[in-house]
Amino acid sequence: IDIITEEDIGIPESDSGKVLLEVEKLLQSNKSFQTTILRMAGLYGYDRQPGRFLAGKKEVANADGKVNLIHQDDCIQIIVNVLEKQLWGYVFNCCSNEHPTRREFYTQAALALGIQPPKFLLEEKSSFKIISNEKIKRALNYTFIHPDPMALD
């Protein structure tokens, strides 16, 4: 299991990841303002219904891979806390405490909406990374409103 901290960013594989890293560097190097980078995990809550993302799909890979998600309420509260505390010059991963498997999460999320869950491939090995939220919890003394995406609030 790879636990990813803010320092573990390395070189992103995707084009979008490379662009985001460049934007982070631009923001951090601009002396006209202070900034903190908040790397939000996959967003869920309210109109963001993850059960729809893979609903009805067949042969979905990486069934035992872990999900890295954050509820909209936590996104907003973290932003408010950073602004109130004027916590500048940091990079934080923002992700729920719990990381269920893709099979567990997307099946439950689809069933909760009354739609067809995805069918996952039977694989011997899944690849995944777990995003650590320890730094943001320590820096802000933050307790997640929605620590477990399986609760699907």
N, C-alpha and C. Protein backbone atom coordinates (compact mmCIF):
# COMPACT_ATOMS: atom_id res chain seq x y z
N ILE A 1 0.87 -1.19 0.00
CA ILE A 1 0.00 0.00 0.00
C ILE A 1 0.90 1.23 0.00
N ASP A 2 0.63 2.12 -0.95
CA ASP A 2 1.35 3.39 -0.99
C ASP A 2 0.52 4.45 -0.27
N ILE A 3 1.08 5.03 0.78
CA ILE A 3 0.45 6.15 1.47
C ILE A 3 1.11 7.41 0.92
N ILE A 4 0.31 8.30 0.35
CA ILE A 4 0.83 9.48 -0.32
C ILE A 4 0.66 10.71 0.56
N THR A 5 1.78 11.35 0.86
CA THR A 5 1.75 12.60 1.60
C THR A 5 1.98 13.75 0.63
N GLU A 6 1.89 14.96 1.13
CA GLU A 6 2.07 16.14 0.29
C GLU A 6 3.46 16.18 -0.33
N GLU A 7 4.44 15.61 0.33
CA GLU A 7 5.82 15.63 -0.16
C GLU A 7 6.08 14.55 -1.22
N ASP A 8 5.15 13.62 -1.39
CA ASP A 8 5.34 12.49 -2.29
C ASP A 8 4.87 12.74 -3.71
N ILE A 9 4.61 13.97 -4.07
CA ILE A 9 3.96 14.26 -5.35
C ILE A 9 4.74 13.71 -6.53
N GLY A 10 6.04 13.84 -6.54
CA GLY A 10 6.81 13.34 -7.66
C GLY A 10 6.41 13.99 -8.96
N ILE A 11 6.54 13.26 -10.04
CA ILE A 11 6.14 13.77 -11.36
C ILE A 11 4.82 13.10 -11.73
N PRO A 12 3.77 13.88 -11.89
CA PRO A 12 2.47 13.30 -12.25
C PRO A 12 2.55 12.56 -13.58
N GLU A 13 1.72 11.52 -13.72
CA GLU A 13 1.69 10.73 -14.95
C GLU A 13 0.76 11.35 -16.00
N SER A 14 -0.35 11.91 -15.56
CA SER A 14 -1.34 12.44 -16.51
C SER A 14 -0.98 13.86 -16.93
N ASP A 15 -1.46 14.23 -18.10
CA ASP A 15 -1.25 15.61 -18.58
C ASP A 15 -1.91 16.61 -17.64
N SER A 16 -3.12 16.28 -17.17
CA SER A 16 -3.81 17.20 -16.27
C SER A 16 -3.04 17.35 -14.95
N GLY A 17 -2.47 16.26 -14.46
CA GLY A 17 -1.67 16.32 -13.24
C GLY A 17 -0.44 17.19 -13.41
N LYS A 18 0.19 17.09 -14.57
CA LYS A 18 1.37 17.92 -14.86
C LYS A 18 1.00 19.39 -14.90
N VAL A 19 -0.15 19.70 -15.51
CA VAL A 19 -0.61 21.10 -15.58
C VAL A 19 -0.92 21.62 -14.19
N LEU A 20 -1.61 20.81 -13.37
CA LEU A 20 -1.93 21.24 -12.01
C LEU A 20 -0.68 21.52 -11.18
N LEU A 21 0.33 20.69 -11.33
CA LEU A 21 1.57 20.91 -10.59
C LEU A 21 2.24 22.21 -11.04
N GLU A 22 2.21 22.50 -12.33
CA GLU A 22 2.76 23.76 -12.83
C GLU A 22 2.00 24.97 -12.29
N VAL A 23 0.68 24.85 -12.23
CA VAL A 23 -0.13 25.94 -11.67
C VAL A 23 0.20 26.14 -10.20
N GLU A 24 0.35 25.04 -9.44
CA GLU A 24 0.74 25.16 -8.04
C GLU A 24 2.06 25.92 -7.91
N LYS A 25 3.03 25.57 -8.72
CA LYS A 25 4.34 26.23 -8.67
C LYS A 25 4.23 27.71 -8.99
N LEU A 26 3.41 28.04 -9.99
CA LEU A 26 3.19 29.46 -10.35
C LEU A 26 2.58 30.23 -9.19
N LEU A 27 1.56 29.66 -8.56
CA LEU A 27 0.90 30.33 -7.44
C LEU A 27 1.86 30.50 -6.26
N GLN A 28 2.62 29.46 -5.97
CA GLN A 28 3.54 29.52 -4.84
C GLN A 28 4.68 30.50 -5.06
N SER A 29 5.08 30.71 -6.30
CA SER A 29 6.22 31.58 -6.59
C SER A 29 5.81 33.05 -6.73
N ASN A 30 4.52 33.34 -6.84
CA ASN A 30 4.06 34.72 -7.00
C ASN A 30 4.15 35.44 -5.66
N LYS A 31 4.93 36.50 -5.63
CA LYS A 31 5.15 37.25 -4.38
C LYS A 31 4.08 38.32 -4.14
N SER A 32 3.12 38.46 -5.05
CA SER A 32 2.07 39.48 -4.93
C SER A 32 1.00 39.08 -3.91
N PHE A 33 0.95 37.81 -3.54
CA PHE A 33 -0.06 37.35 -2.60
C PHE A 33 0.43 36.10 -1.89
N GLN A 34 -0.23 35.77 -0.81
CA GLN A 34 0.09 34.55 -0.08
C GLN A 34 -0.91 33.47 -0.49
N THR A 35 -0.44 32.25 -0.48
CA THR A 35 -1.33 31.16 -0.91
C THR A 35 -1.05 29.89 -0.13
N THR A 36 -2.03 29.05 -0.09
CA THR A 36 -1.90 27.68 0.39
C THR A 36 -2.58 26.79 -0.65
N ILE A 37 -1.95 25.70 -0.99
CA ILE A 37 -2.48 24.78 -1.98
C ILE A 37 -3.30 23.71 -1.26
N LEU A 38 -4.55 23.53 -1.69
CA LEU A 38 -5.42 22.49 -1.16
C LEU A 38 -5.67 21.48 -2.27
N ARG A 39 -5.12 20.31 -2.12
CA ARG A 39 -5.30 19.24 -3.11
C ARG A 39 -6.49 18.39 -2.70
N MET A 40 -7.63 18.71 -3.29
CA MET A 40 -8.87 18.02 -2.94
C MET A 40 -8.95 16.67 -3.64
N ALA A 41 -9.38 15.67 -2.88
CA ALA A 41 -9.63 14.34 -3.45
C ALA A 41 -10.91 14.39 -4.27
N GLY A 42 -11.37 13.24 -4.73
CA GLY A 42 -12.62 13.18 -5.49
C GLY A 42 -13.79 13.70 -4.69
N LEU A 43 -14.56 14.55 -5.30
CA LEU A 43 -15.64 15.26 -4.61
C LEU A 43 -16.94 14.46 -4.65
N TYR A 44 -17.60 14.39 -3.48
CA TYR A 44 -18.93 13.80 -3.42
C TYR A 44 -19.80 14.60 -2.45
N GLY A 45 -21.10 14.37 -2.56
CA GLY A 45 -22.07 15.03 -1.69
C GLY A 45 -23.04 15.87 -2.50
N TYR A 46 -24.25 15.99 -1.99
CA TYR A 46 -25.32 16.77 -2.62
C TYR A 46 -25.53 16.31 -4.06
N ASP A 47 -25.31 17.17 -5.04
CA ASP A 47 -25.58 16.77 -6.43
C ASP A 47 -24.44 15.94 -7.05
N ARG A 48 -23.34 15.76 -6.35
CA ARG A 48 -22.25 14.91 -6.82
C ARG A 48 -22.51 13.50 -6.29
N GLN A 49 -23.20 12.70 -7.07
CA GLN A 49 -23.60 11.36 -6.67
C GLN A 49 -22.67 10.33 -7.32
N PRO A 50 -21.67 9.85 -6.61
CA PRO A 50 -20.70 8.93 -7.23
C PRO A 50 -21.30 7.61 -7.69
N GLY A 51 -22.48 7.26 -7.19
CA GLY A 51 -23.12 6.03 -7.65
C GLY A 51 -23.41 6.05 -9.14
N ARG A 52 -23.52 7.24 -9.71
CA ARG A 52 -23.81 7.38 -11.14
C ARG A 52 -22.55 7.19 -12.00
N PHE A 53 -21.36 7.40 -11.42
CA PHE A 53 -20.12 7.40 -12.19
C PHE A 53 -19.88 6.09 -12.93
N LEU A 54 -20.07 4.98 -12.25
CA LEU A 54 -19.79 3.67 -12.84
C LEU A 54 -21.04 2.81 -13.00
N ALA A 55 -22.21 3.38 -12.75
CA ALA A 55 -23.46 2.62 -12.76
C ALA A 55 -23.64 1.85 -14.08
N GLY A 56 -23.95 0.57 -13.93
CA GLY A 56 -24.25 -0.27 -15.08
C GLY A 56 -23.06 -0.68 -15.92
N LYS A 57 -21.89 -0.19 -15.62
CA LYS A 57 -20.71 -0.54 -16.42
C LYS A 57 -20.31 -1.99 -16.12
N LYS A 58 -19.69 -2.61 -17.11
CA LYS A 58 -19.24 -3.99 -16.97
C LYS A 58 -17.73 -4.04 -17.11
N GLU A 59 -17.15 -5.05 -16.50
CA GLU A 59 -15.71 -5.29 -16.57
C GLU A 59 -14.91 -4.08 -16.09
N VAL A 60 -15.32 -3.52 -14.96
CA VAL A 60 -14.62 -2.39 -14.36
C VAL A 60 -13.38 -2.92 -13.64
N ALA A 61 -12.26 -2.31 -13.92
CA ALA A 61 -10.98 -2.78 -13.36
C ALA A 61 -10.73 -2.20 -11.97
N ASN A 62 -9.74 -2.77 -11.32
CA ASN A 62 -9.21 -2.27 -10.05
C ASN A 62 -10.25 -2.32 -8.92
N ALA A 63 -10.97 -3.41 -8.83
CA ALA A 63 -12.05 -3.56 -7.84
C ALA A 63 -11.58 -3.36 -6.41
N ASP A 64 -10.39 -3.83 -6.10
CA ASP A 64 -9.89 -3.74 -4.74
C ASP A 64 -9.02 -2.51 -4.50
N GLY A 65 -8.94 -1.64 -5.51
CA GLY A 65 -8.26 -0.37 -5.32
C GLY A 65 -9.04 0.48 -4.34
N LYS A 66 -8.37 1.35 -3.66
CA LYS A 66 -9.01 2.20 -2.66
C LYS A 66 -9.46 3.51 -3.28
N VAL A 67 -10.54 4.08 -2.74
CA VAL A 67 -11.01 5.39 -3.21
C VAL A 67 -10.50 6.48 -2.28
N ASN A 68 -10.21 7.62 -2.86
CA ASN A 68 -9.77 8.80 -2.14
C ASN A 68 -10.80 9.89 -2.45
N LEU A 69 -11.67 10.15 -1.48
CA LEU A 69 -12.78 11.06 -1.68
C LEU A 69 -12.88 12.09 -0.56
N ILE A 70 -13.60 13.17 -0.84
CA ILE A 70 -13.89 14.18 0.17
C ILE A 70 -15.28 14.74 -0.08
N HIS A 71 -16.02 14.93 0.99
CA HIS A 71 -17.37 15.49 0.90
C HIS A 71 -17.29 17.01 0.71
N GLN A 72 -18.25 17.56 -0.01
CA GLN A 72 -18.30 19.01 -0.25
C GLN A 72 -18.29 19.81 1.05
N ASP A 73 -18.99 19.32 2.08
CA ASP A 73 -19.01 20.04 3.37
C ASP A 73 -17.60 20.19 3.94
N ASP A 74 -16.80 19.13 3.83
CA ASP A 74 -15.42 19.20 4.35
C ASP A 74 -14.57 20.13 3.50
N CYS A 75 -14.76 20.12 2.18
CA CYS A 75 -14.02 21.06 1.32
C CYS A 75 -14.24 22.50 1.78
N ILE A 76 -15.50 22.85 1.93
CA ILE A 76 -15.85 24.23 2.31
C ILE A 76 -15.30 24.56 3.69
N GLN A 77 -15.46 23.64 4.65
CA GLN A 77 -14.99 23.93 6.02
C GLN A 77 -13.47 24.06 6.08
N ILE A 78 -12.76 23.25 5.31
CA ILE A 78 -11.29 23.37 5.29
C ILE A 78 -10.89 24.72 4.71
N ILE A 79 -11.52 25.13 3.63
CA ILE A 79 -11.20 26.44 3.03
C ILE A 79 -11.47 27.56 4.04
N VAL A 80 -12.61 27.50 4.71
CA VAL A 80 -12.94 28.52 5.72
C VAL A 80 -11.89 28.53 6.82
N ASN A 81 -11.49 27.35 7.30
CA ASN A 81 -10.49 27.28 8.37
C ASN A 81 -9.14 27.85 7.94
N VAL A 82 -8.71 27.55 6.72
CA VAL A 82 -7.45 28.09 6.22
C VAL A 82 -7.52 29.61 6.16
N LEU A 83 -8.63 30.14 5.68
CA LEU A 83 -8.80 31.61 5.59
C LEU A 83 -8.85 32.24 6.97
N GLU A 84 -9.62 31.66 7.88
CA GLU A 84 -9.73 32.22 9.24
C GLU A 84 -8.39 32.21 9.97
N LYS A 85 -7.63 31.16 9.80
CA LYS A 85 -6.34 31.03 10.50
C LYS A 85 -5.19 31.65 9.70
N GLN A 86 -5.52 32.11 8.49
CA GLN A 86 -4.51 32.68 7.59
C GLN A 86 -3.27 31.80 7.52
N LEU A 87 -3.50 30.56 7.22
CA LEU A 87 -2.46 29.54 7.17
C LEU A 87 -1.89 29.50 5.76
N TRP A 88 -0.85 30.29 5.52
CA TRP A 88 -0.30 30.47 4.18
C TRP A 88 1.03 29.75 4.01
N GLY A 89 1.31 29.40 2.76
CA GLY A 89 2.60 28.80 2.43
C GLY A 89 2.64 27.29 2.57
N TYR A 90 1.50 26.66 2.64
CA TYR A 90 1.44 25.21 2.83
C TYR A 90 0.83 24.52 1.60
N VAL A 91 1.03 23.21 1.57
CA VAL A 91 0.35 22.33 0.62
C VAL A 91 -0.31 21.25 1.47
N PHE A 92 -1.63 21.06 1.27
CA PHE A 92 -2.37 20.07 2.04
C PHE A 92 -3.14 19.13 1.13
N ASN A 93 -3.12 17.84 1.48
CA ASN A 93 -4.02 16.86 0.88
C ASN A 93 -5.32 16.92 1.67
N CYS A 94 -6.43 16.97 0.98
CA CYS A 94 -7.74 17.03 1.63
C CYS A 94 -8.54 15.82 1.18
N CYS A 95 -8.70 14.87 2.09
CA CYS A 95 -9.30 13.58 1.75
C CYS A 95 -9.93 12.99 3.01
N SER A 96 -11.02 12.28 2.86
CA SER A 96 -11.68 11.62 3.99
C SER A 96 -10.72 10.68 4.71
N ASN A 97 -11.06 10.34 5.93
CA ASN A 97 -10.23 9.42 6.72
C ASN A 97 -10.24 8.00 6.16
N GLU A 98 -11.40 7.55 5.71
CA GLU A 98 -11.57 6.16 5.30
C GLU A 98 -11.43 6.01 3.79
N HIS A 99 -10.94 4.83 3.38
CA HIS A 99 -10.68 4.55 1.97
C HIS A 99 -11.22 3.17 1.60
N PRO A 100 -12.54 3.07 1.41
CA PRO A 100 -13.10 1.77 1.03
C PRO A 100 -12.61 1.35 -0.35
N THR A 101 -12.83 0.08 -0.68
CA THR A 101 -12.46 -0.37 -2.02
C THR A 101 -13.44 0.20 -3.05
N ARG A 102 -12.97 0.24 -4.28
CA ARG A 102 -13.84 0.70 -5.37
C ARG A 102 -15.09 -0.18 -5.46
N ARG A 103 -14.94 -1.48 -5.32
CA ARG A 103 -16.08 -2.39 -5.38
C ARG A 103 -17.10 -2.05 -4.29
N GLU A 104 -16.63 -1.93 -3.05
CA GLU A 104 -17.53 -1.62 -1.93
C GLU A 104 -18.24 -0.29 -2.15
N PHE A 105 -17.45 0.72 -2.44
CA PHE A 105 -18.00 2.07 -2.50
C PHE A 105 -18.97 2.26 -3.67
N TYR A 106 -18.55 1.94 -4.89
CA TYR A 106 -19.39 2.22 -6.05
C TYR A 106 -20.61 1.30 -6.11
N THR A 107 -20.50 0.09 -5.58
CA THR A 107 -21.67 -0.79 -5.51
C THR A 107 -22.69 -0.19 -4.55
N GLN A 108 -22.26 0.15 -3.34
CA GLN A 108 -23.18 0.72 -2.35
C GLN A 108 -23.77 2.04 -2.84
N ALA A 109 -22.95 2.89 -3.46
CA ALA A 109 -23.42 4.19 -3.93
C ALA A 109 -24.48 4.03 -5.01
N ALA A 110 -24.31 3.07 -5.92
CA ALA A 110 -25.31 2.84 -6.97
C ALA A 110 -26.60 2.28 -6.36
N LEU A 111 -26.46 1.32 -5.48
CA LEU A 111 -27.65 0.72 -4.85
C LEU A 111 -28.43 1.76 -4.04
N ALA A 112 -27.72 2.66 -3.38
CA ALA A 112 -28.39 3.72 -2.60
C ALA A 112 -29.24 4.62 -3.49
N LEU A 113 -28.86 4.74 -4.76
CA LEU A 113 -29.63 5.54 -5.72
C LEU A 113 -30.68 4.71 -6.46
N GLY A 114 -30.70 3.41 -6.19
CA GLY A 114 -31.64 2.53 -6.87
C GLY A 114 -31.29 2.28 -8.32
N ILE A 115 -30.00 2.34 -8.65
CA ILE A 115 -29.56 2.10 -10.02
C ILE A 115 -28.62 0.89 -10.06
N GLN A 116 -28.40 0.39 -11.26
CA GLN A 116 -27.59 -0.81 -11.46
C GLN A 116 -26.13 -0.57 -11.05
N PRO A 117 -25.61 -1.34 -10.12
CA PRO A 117 -24.20 -1.18 -9.75
C PRO A 117 -23.28 -1.69 -10.84
N PRO A 118 -22.03 -1.25 -10.82
CA PRO A 118 -21.08 -1.76 -11.81
C PRO A 118 -20.72 -3.22 -11.52
N LYS A 119 -20.22 -3.88 -12.56
CA LYS A 119 -19.71 -5.24 -12.40
C LYS A 119 -18.20 -5.16 -12.57
N PHE A 120 -17.50 -5.59 -11.54
CA PHE A 120 -16.05 -5.49 -11.53
C PHE A 120 -15.40 -6.77 -12.04
N LEU A 121 -14.25 -6.61 -12.67
CA LEU A 121 -13.44 -7.75 -13.10
C LEU A 121 -12.92 -8.49 -11.87
N LEU A 122 -12.76 -9.78 -12.01
CA LEU A 122 -12.11 -10.54 -10.95
C LEU A 122 -10.61 -10.50 -11.24
N GLU A 123 -9.91 -9.78 -10.42
CA GLU A 123 -8.46 -9.62 -10.62
C GLU A 123 -7.74 -10.12 -9.39
N GLU A 124 -6.52 -10.55 -9.59
CA GLU A 124 -5.74 -11.00 -8.45
C GLU A 124 -5.08 -9.83 -7.73
N LYS A 125 -4.79 -8.78 -8.47
CA LYS A 125 -4.05 -7.68 -7.86
C LYS A 125 -4.63 -6.35 -8.34
N SER A 126 -4.82 -5.45 -7.39
CA SER A 126 -5.27 -4.10 -7.72
C SER A 126 -4.17 -3.13 -7.35
N SER A 127 -4.13 -2.02 -8.06
CA SER A 127 -3.16 -0.99 -7.72
C SER A 127 -3.90 0.21 -7.15
N PHE A 128 -3.30 0.81 -6.14
CA PHE A 128 -3.94 1.97 -5.54
C PHE A 128 -2.96 2.72 -4.65
N LYS A 129 -3.33 3.95 -4.38
CA LYS A 129 -2.60 4.79 -3.44
C LYS A 129 -3.61 5.36 -2.47
N ILE A 130 -3.23 5.46 -1.23
CA ILE A 130 -4.07 6.08 -0.22
C ILE A 130 -3.49 7.45 0.08
N ILE A 131 -4.35 8.45 -0.06
CA ILE A 131 -3.93 9.83 0.20
C ILE A 131 -4.03 10.10 1.70
N SER A 132 -2.94 10.54 2.28
CA SER A 132 -2.90 10.85 3.70
C SER A 132 -3.46 12.25 3.96
N ASN A 133 -4.33 12.36 4.96
CA ASN A 133 -4.87 13.66 5.36
C ASN A 133 -4.31 14.11 6.71
N GLU A 134 -3.29 13.45 7.19
CA GLU A 134 -2.76 13.73 8.53
C GLU A 134 -2.26 15.16 8.68
N LYS A 135 -1.62 15.70 7.67
CA LYS A 135 -1.05 17.04 7.77
C LYS A 135 -2.14 18.10 7.96
N ILE A 136 -3.23 18.00 7.21
CA ILE A 136 -4.31 19.00 7.33
C ILE A 136 -5.01 18.85 8.68
N LYS A 137 -5.17 17.63 9.15
CA LYS A 137 -5.81 17.43 10.45
C LYS A 137 -4.96 18.03 11.57
N ARG A 138 -3.66 17.87 11.48
CA ARG A 138 -2.76 18.45 12.51
C ARG A 138 -2.72 19.97 12.43
N ALA A 139 -2.51 20.50 11.23
CA ALA A 139 -2.33 21.94 11.06
C ALA A 139 -3.56 22.75 11.45
N LEU A 140 -4.74 22.21 11.14
CA LEU A 140 -5.98 22.92 11.43
C LEU A 140 -6.70 22.37 12.66
N ASN A 141 -6.14 21.33 13.26
CA ASN A 141 -6.85 20.61 14.32
C ASN A 141 -8.24 20.26 13.80
N TYR A 142 -8.27 19.71 12.59
CA TYR A 142 -9.51 19.50 11.86
C TYR A 142 -10.07 18.10 12.10
N THR A 143 -11.36 18.05 12.37
CA THR A 143 -12.10 16.79 12.46
C THR A 143 -13.08 16.76 11.30
N PHE A 144 -13.00 15.74 10.50
CA PHE A 144 -13.85 15.65 9.32
C PHE A 144 -15.32 15.52 9.68
N ILE A 145 -16.16 16.26 8.99
CA ILE A 145 -17.61 16.20 9.14
C ILE A 145 -18.09 14.85 8.61
N HIS A 146 -17.50 14.44 7.50
CA HIS A 146 -17.84 13.18 6.83
C HIS A 146 -16.56 12.35 6.69
N PRO A 147 -16.14 11.65 7.76
CA PRO A 147 -14.87 10.93 7.71
C PRO A 147 -14.90 9.67 6.86
N ASP A 148 -16.10 9.14 6.60
CA ASP A 148 -16.21 7.87 5.88
C ASP A 148 -17.16 8.01 4.70
N PRO A 149 -16.65 7.95 3.47
CA PRO A 149 -17.54 8.07 2.31
C PRO A 149 -18.59 6.97 2.21
N MET A 150 -18.40 5.86 2.89
CA MET A 150 -19.40 4.79 2.87
C MET A 150 -20.69 5.22 3.59
N ALA A 151 -20.62 6.24 4.42
CA ALA A 151 -21.82 6.73 5.10
C ALA A 151 -22.74 7.42 4.11
N LEU A 152 -22.19 7.91 2.98
CA LEU A 152 -22.95 8.54 1.90
C LEU A 152 -24.01 9.52 2.41
N ASP A 153 -23.57 10.45 3.21
CA ASP A 153 -24.49 11.48 3.75
C ASP A 153 -24.97 12.41 2.66
